[in-house]
Protein backbone atom coordinates (compact mmCIF):
# COMPACT_ATOMS: atom_id res chain seq x y z
CA MET A 1 204.25 90.88 274.32
CA ALA A 2 203.38 92.31 277.28
CA TYR A 3 199.97 93.66 277.59
CA SER A 4 198.92 96.89 279.45
CA ALA A 5 195.64 99.10 279.46
CA ASN A 6 193.76 99.25 276.51
CA SER A 7 192.53 102.87 275.05
CA ILE A 8 189.80 102.51 272.63
CA GLY A 9 187.10 105.26 272.39
CA GLY A 10 188.42 107.32 275.21
CA LYS A 11 187.79 104.35 277.73
CA MET A 12 189.95 102.25 279.34
CA ALA A 13 190.03 98.21 279.77
CA GLN A 14 192.55 96.68 281.77
CA ILE A 15 194.07 93.79 280.30
CA LEU A 16 194.15 90.60 282.63
CA ASP A 17 197.89 89.30 281.23
CA GLY A 18 197.68 85.40 281.72
CA LYS A 19 200.78 85.12 279.26
CA ALA A 20 202.82 87.10 281.86
CA LEU A 21 201.54 85.48 284.83
CA SER A 22 201.66 82.26 283.45
CA SER A 23 205.57 82.75 282.81
CA ARG A 24 206.09 84.08 286.42
CA ILE A 25 204.39 81.09 287.92
CA ARG A 26 206.09 78.15 286.00
CA ASN A 27 209.42 80.27 287.15
CA GLU A 28 208.18 79.49 290.56
CA LEU A 29 207.27 75.77 289.60
CA ALA A 30 210.61 75.57 288.36
CA SER A 31 212.06 76.25 291.68
CA ARG A 32 209.78 74.12 293.58
CA VAL A 33 210.66 71.14 291.33
CA GLU A 34 214.29 71.68 291.79
CA ALA A 35 213.48 71.56 295.70
CA LEU A 36 211.71 68.15 295.04
CA SER A 37 214.73 66.73 293.38
CA GLU A 38 216.91 67.34 296.12
CA ARG A 39 214.48 64.74 298.08
CA GLY A 40 214.56 62.40 295.53
CA VAL A 41 211.26 63.30 293.90
CA VAL A 42 210.78 63.89 290.14
CA PRO A 43 206.95 64.96 289.42
CA ARG A 44 205.72 63.09 286.68
CA LEU A 45 202.75 63.46 284.23
CA ASP A 46 201.30 60.71 282.08
CA VAL A 47 198.95 61.84 279.33
CA LEU A 48 196.60 59.55 277.09
CA VAL A 49 195.64 61.52 273.96
CA ALA A 50 193.86 60.70 270.71
CA ALA A 51 196.18 59.66 267.98
CA ASP A 52 194.01 61.13 265.36
CA ASP A 53 192.95 64.58 266.88
CA PRO A 54 195.89 67.11 265.52
CA SER A 55 194.54 69.65 268.09
CA SER A 56 194.89 67.57 270.45
CA ILE A 57 198.18 66.36 269.79
CA THR A 58 199.41 69.98 269.36
CA TYR A 59 197.95 70.88 272.96
CA VAL A 60 199.55 67.78 274.64
CA ASN A 61 203.21 68.61 272.73
CA MET A 62 202.60 72.41 274.32
CA LYS A 63 202.01 70.86 277.97
CA GLN A 64 204.93 68.47 277.54
CA GLN A 65 207.20 71.24 276.44
CA TRP A 66 206.37 73.68 279.08
CA ALA A 67 206.33 70.26 281.50
CA ASP A 68 210.29 69.70 280.00
CA LYS A 69 211.07 73.37 280.97
CA ILE A 70 209.94 73.05 284.94
CA GLY A 71 211.34 69.61 285.20
CA ILE A 72 207.97 67.40 285.15
CA VAL A 73 208.65 64.22 283.18
CA GLY A 74 206.00 61.99 281.81
CA GLU A 75 204.94 59.66 279.03
CA SER A 76 202.47 60.01 276.34
CA TRP A 77 200.58 57.16 275.23
CA GLN A 78 198.39 57.32 272.11
CA VAL A 79 195.00 56.25 271.74
CA THR A 80 193.88 54.40 268.27
CA ALA A 81 190.93 53.29 266.44
CA ASP A 82 192.48 49.83 267.50
CA THR A 83 192.81 50.80 271.42
CA THR A 84 190.06 48.77 273.28
CA GLN A 85 188.30 49.99 276.23
CA ASP A 86 189.61 47.03 278.10
CA TRP A 87 193.27 48.41 277.24
CA LEU A 88 192.08 51.88 278.56
CA ILE A 89 190.62 51.03 282.10
CA ASP A 90 194.28 48.79 282.55
CA LYS A 91 196.63 51.39 281.53
CA LEU A 92 194.79 54.01 283.70
CA GLY A 93 194.62 51.16 286.70
CA GLU A 94 198.22 51.05 285.97
CA LEU A 95 199.02 54.62 286.23
CA ASN A 96 196.72 54.85 289.16
CA ALA A 97 198.87 52.31 290.96
CA ASP A 98 202.24 53.72 290.21
CA PRO A 99 203.39 56.05 293.12
CA GLY A 100 206.29 57.59 290.40
CA VAL A 101 203.24 58.85 288.61
CA HIS A 102 201.63 62.17 290.41
CA GLY A 103 199.47 62.84 287.69
CA VAL A 104 197.16 61.56 284.56
CA LEU A 105 196.01 63.58 281.96
CA LEU A 106 193.02 62.03 279.76
CA GLN A 107 193.29 64.42 277.07
CA HIS A 108 189.62 65.32 275.73
CA PRO A 109 188.33 64.02 273.39
CA LEU A 110 188.71 60.29 273.12
CA PRO A 111 188.07 58.30 269.88
CA ARG A 112 184.19 57.63 269.39
CA HIS A 113 184.34 54.04 270.15
CA LEU A 114 185.61 54.52 273.39
CA ASP A 115 183.70 55.12 276.78
CA GLU A 116 185.04 58.54 278.02
CA ALA A 117 182.89 58.68 280.99
CA ALA A 118 183.81 55.28 282.01
CA ALA A 119 187.36 55.82 281.85
CA LEU A 120 187.30 59.30 283.92
CA GLU A 121 185.40 57.13 286.58
CA ALA A 122 188.34 54.41 286.23
CA LEU A 123 190.85 57.72 286.71
CA GLY A 124 189.32 58.86 289.97
CA PRO A 125 190.50 61.66 291.96
CA GLY A 126 193.76 60.89 292.95
CA LYS A 127 195.85 61.72 290.01
CA ASP A 128 192.95 63.36 287.96
CA VAL A 129 195.44 66.64 287.86
CA ASP A 130 192.94 68.45 285.58
CA GLY A 131 189.97 67.81 288.15
CA ILE A 132 187.46 66.98 285.58
CA SER A 133 186.51 63.36 286.73
CA PRO A 134 183.36 62.93 288.48
CA GLN A 135 184.82 62.38 291.91
CA SER A 136 186.90 65.43 291.52
CA LEU A 137 184.09 67.80 290.28
CA GLY A 138 181.65 66.06 293.45
CA ARG A 139 184.80 67.43 295.90
CA LEU A 140 184.33 71.13 294.24
CA LEU A 141 180.57 70.65 294.54
CA THR A 142 181.14 69.59 298.33
CA GLY A 143 183.75 71.89 298.82
CA ALA A 144 186.22 69.07 299.79
CA LYS A 145 189.90 68.87 299.05
CA GLY A 146 190.94 67.85 295.69
CA PHE A 147 192.33 68.80 292.43
CA ARG A 148 190.26 71.77 290.56
CA CYS A 149 189.53 71.98 286.59
CA ALA A 150 192.57 73.75 285.26
CA THR A 151 190.51 76.52 283.27
CA PRO A 152 188.33 77.73 285.72
CA LEU A 153 191.37 77.48 288.21
CA GLY A 154 193.42 79.78 285.81
CA MET A 155 190.65 82.11 285.94
CA MET A 156 190.46 82.62 289.86
CA ARG A 157 194.29 82.97 289.70
CA LEU A 158 194.22 85.51 287.40
CA LEU A 159 191.68 87.52 289.65
CA ASP A 160 193.56 86.67 292.60
CA GLU A 161 196.57 88.56 290.58
CA TYR A 162 195.03 91.68 289.89
CA GLY A 163 193.22 92.04 293.22
CA LEU A 164 189.85 91.30 292.14
CA GLN A 165 187.19 90.43 294.23
CA CYS A 166 184.14 88.33 293.84
CA GLU A 167 182.42 88.78 297.15
CA GLY A 168 178.90 89.93 296.96
CA LYS A 169 179.09 90.29 292.97
CA HIS A 170 176.48 89.22 290.36
CA ALA A 171 178.68 86.83 288.04
CA VAL A 172 177.22 85.20 285.22
CA VAL A 173 178.53 82.35 283.52
CA ILE A 174 177.74 81.65 279.86
CA GLY A 175 178.52 77.96 279.40
CA ARG A 176 177.66 74.94 281.03
CA SER A 177 180.23 72.28 280.14
CA VAL A 178 181.58 70.01 283.05
CA ILE A 179 185.09 71.16 282.20
CA LEU A 180 184.44 74.97 282.14
CA GLY A 181 181.34 76.44 282.47
CA LYS A 182 179.88 74.43 285.73
CA PRO A 183 183.10 74.15 287.76
CA ALA A 184 183.73 77.87 287.06
CA ALA A 185 180.49 78.73 288.59
CA LEU A 186 181.15 76.57 291.48
CA MET A 187 184.62 78.34 292.16
CA LEU A 188 182.63 81.69 291.95
CA LEU A 189 180.32 80.55 294.45
CA GLU A 190 183.19 79.87 296.81
CA ARG A 191 184.27 83.12 296.38
CA ASN A 192 180.68 84.22 297.68
CA ALA A 193 179.59 85.62 294.07
CA THR A 194 176.20 85.43 293.46
CA VAL A 195 176.27 83.19 290.26
CA THR A 196 174.09 82.87 287.33
CA ILE A 197 174.76 80.07 284.68
CA CYS A 198 173.28 80.70 281.14
CA HIS A 199 174.18 79.10 277.60
CA SER A 200 173.26 79.30 273.94
CA ARG A 201 169.67 78.98 274.36
CA THR A 202 168.95 81.37 277.44
CA GLN A 203 166.10 83.67 276.78
CA GLY A 204 167.09 87.52 277.31
CA LEU A 205 171.04 86.32 277.42
CA GLN A 206 172.10 89.84 276.41
CA ASP A 207 170.50 91.59 279.53
CA ILE A 208 171.46 89.02 281.66
CA CYS A 209 174.92 89.70 281.07
CA ARG A 210 174.87 93.55 280.88
CA ALA A 211 173.73 93.11 284.59
CA ALA A 212 177.10 91.09 285.56
CA ASP A 213 179.76 92.73 287.26
CA LEU A 214 181.65 89.52 286.43
CA LEU A 215 181.36 87.71 283.08
CA VAL A 216 183.10 84.56 281.83
CA ALA A 217 182.35 83.56 278.23
CA ALA A 218 182.87 79.95 277.61
CA VAL A 219 180.15 78.99 275.18
CA GLY A 220 182.53 78.30 272.17
CA ARG A 221 180.70 80.56 269.50
CA ALA A 222 183.45 83.05 268.19
CA GLU A 223 183.00 86.99 269.25
CA MET A 224 179.36 86.24 270.63
CA VAL A 225 179.53 88.82 273.37
CA THR A 226 179.82 92.26 272.04
CA GLY A 227 180.40 95.61 274.08
CA ASN A 228 176.61 96.29 274.35
CA TRP A 229 176.20 92.97 276.27
CA ILE A 230 178.58 94.47 278.96
CA LYS A 231 177.96 96.28 281.69
CA PRO A 232 180.44 99.52 282.13
CA GLY A 233 183.19 98.65 284.23
CA ALA A 234 182.76 94.61 284.50
CA ILE A 235 185.34 92.12 284.65
CA VAL A 236 185.17 90.01 281.49
CA LEU A 237 186.81 86.56 281.26
CA ASP A 238 187.16 85.05 277.89
CA ALA A 239 187.65 81.50 278.00
CA GLY A 240 186.64 80.82 274.16
CA TYR A 241 189.00 79.34 271.30
CA ASN A 242 187.34 79.81 268.02
CA ARG A 243 188.86 79.27 264.56
CA VAL A 244 187.08 81.69 261.54
CA GLU A 245 187.55 80.83 257.98
CA GLY A 246 189.51 83.63 256.36
CA ARG A 247 191.03 84.89 259.44
CA SER A 248 194.39 84.09 261.15
CA GLY A 249 194.74 82.49 264.83
CA ASP A 250 192.14 81.88 267.43
CA VAL A 251 189.29 84.45 268.53
CA GLY A 252 187.56 84.16 271.45
CA ASP A 253 183.85 84.04 272.55
CA VAL A 254 184.30 88.14 273.07
CA GLU A 255 184.35 90.83 270.03
CA VAL A 256 187.44 92.38 271.69
CA SER A 257 187.57 95.63 270.41
CA SER A 258 183.76 96.96 271.13
CA ALA A 259 184.01 94.82 274.62
CA SER A 260 187.23 96.82 275.55
CA GLU A 261 185.12 99.81 275.37
CA ALA A 262 182.77 98.87 278.36
CA ALA A 263 184.70 96.43 280.23
CA GLY A 264 186.81 97.47 283.18
CA TRP A 265 188.88 94.48 282.90
CA ILE A 266 189.39 92.04 279.89
CA SER A 267 191.39 88.94 279.10
CA PRO A 268 192.71 88.63 275.61
CA VAL A 269 192.39 85.74 273.32
CA PRO A 270 195.46 84.48 272.80
CA GLY A 271 197.38 85.51 276.01
CA GLY A 272 194.80 85.50 278.62
CA VAL A 273 192.69 82.50 279.94
CA GLY A 274 194.79 79.72 277.72
CA PRO A 275 198.10 79.85 279.14
CA MET A 276 196.80 79.85 282.42
CA THR A 277 195.00 76.69 281.76
CA VAL A 278 198.53 74.72 281.25
CA THR A 279 199.99 76.33 283.98
CA MET A 280 197.72 75.44 286.44
CA LEU A 281 197.67 72.03 285.03
CA LEU A 282 201.12 71.45 285.84
CA SER A 283 200.85 73.27 288.99
CA ASN A 284 198.27 70.87 290.19
CA VAL A 285 201.38 68.06 289.13
CA VAL A 286 203.74 69.72 291.33
CA ASP A 287 201.30 69.89 294.38
CA ALA A 288 200.54 66.16 294.09
CA ALA A 289 204.24 65.38 293.89
CA GLU A 290 204.86 67.71 297.16
CA THR A 291 202.20 65.64 299.04
CA ALA A 292 202.50 62.38 297.76
CA PRO A 293 202.40 59.53 300.40
CA SER A 294 205.77 57.95 299.16
CA ASN A 295 207.38 61.26 300.09
């Protein structure tokens, strides 16, 4: 499905079409992978995922299907209730040491008996193509080179595609997770936006959001942000994916019909930020393969 400008209540909100952009980027990645294969390099992404988490399994399967189409290979390692912390750390060490593995994805969440923070520490920045290890986040904070978190990186790529500038604008991020809200704020700051980070307990949240030239909704509450939260003409990036009882499909953190009457630009759910997340993860893998020392 191709998105175009919405007309609701006589006003226009341009759709930020992540589905179409993601498809085009994946075609470009396939060409880069083909060029790598001519040099004898096959990009590889290995994944560790909780076997008892259906959502994670579904998400990883989708990533692997897209990777297969591009030409990225890899193996999926299922983490179960019987998996020990020692095995997990040893496996990460093994993958880190393997020059044929260009990226490692530690799919969140892991089973509760495992120390996920310690696992991310063990993964380190070299093959952390999801950009969520403490070392990777530290590199983002200091402006050093490294892999950037896939979801906010996809947001930045969407802004670039539509020629939307951040410099000098007031950006508001609702959400403070280390895999989305915080890195999104840092990436916007890198682009010279003035950034306010909010969350579900922020007092006067609606008024703060209404002052935003660019609003990122990443709080994990279905349709919390409505049209009267949005400054007329603002850019709205919806990173929420929520299940609502009695409704089919996912909904975002933004109530799209009312928000589209106020916003100048808006990303839909589905078809906005979501496809870009997977694509930017795969883009990081191809980047890693192109720059690997063994090449």
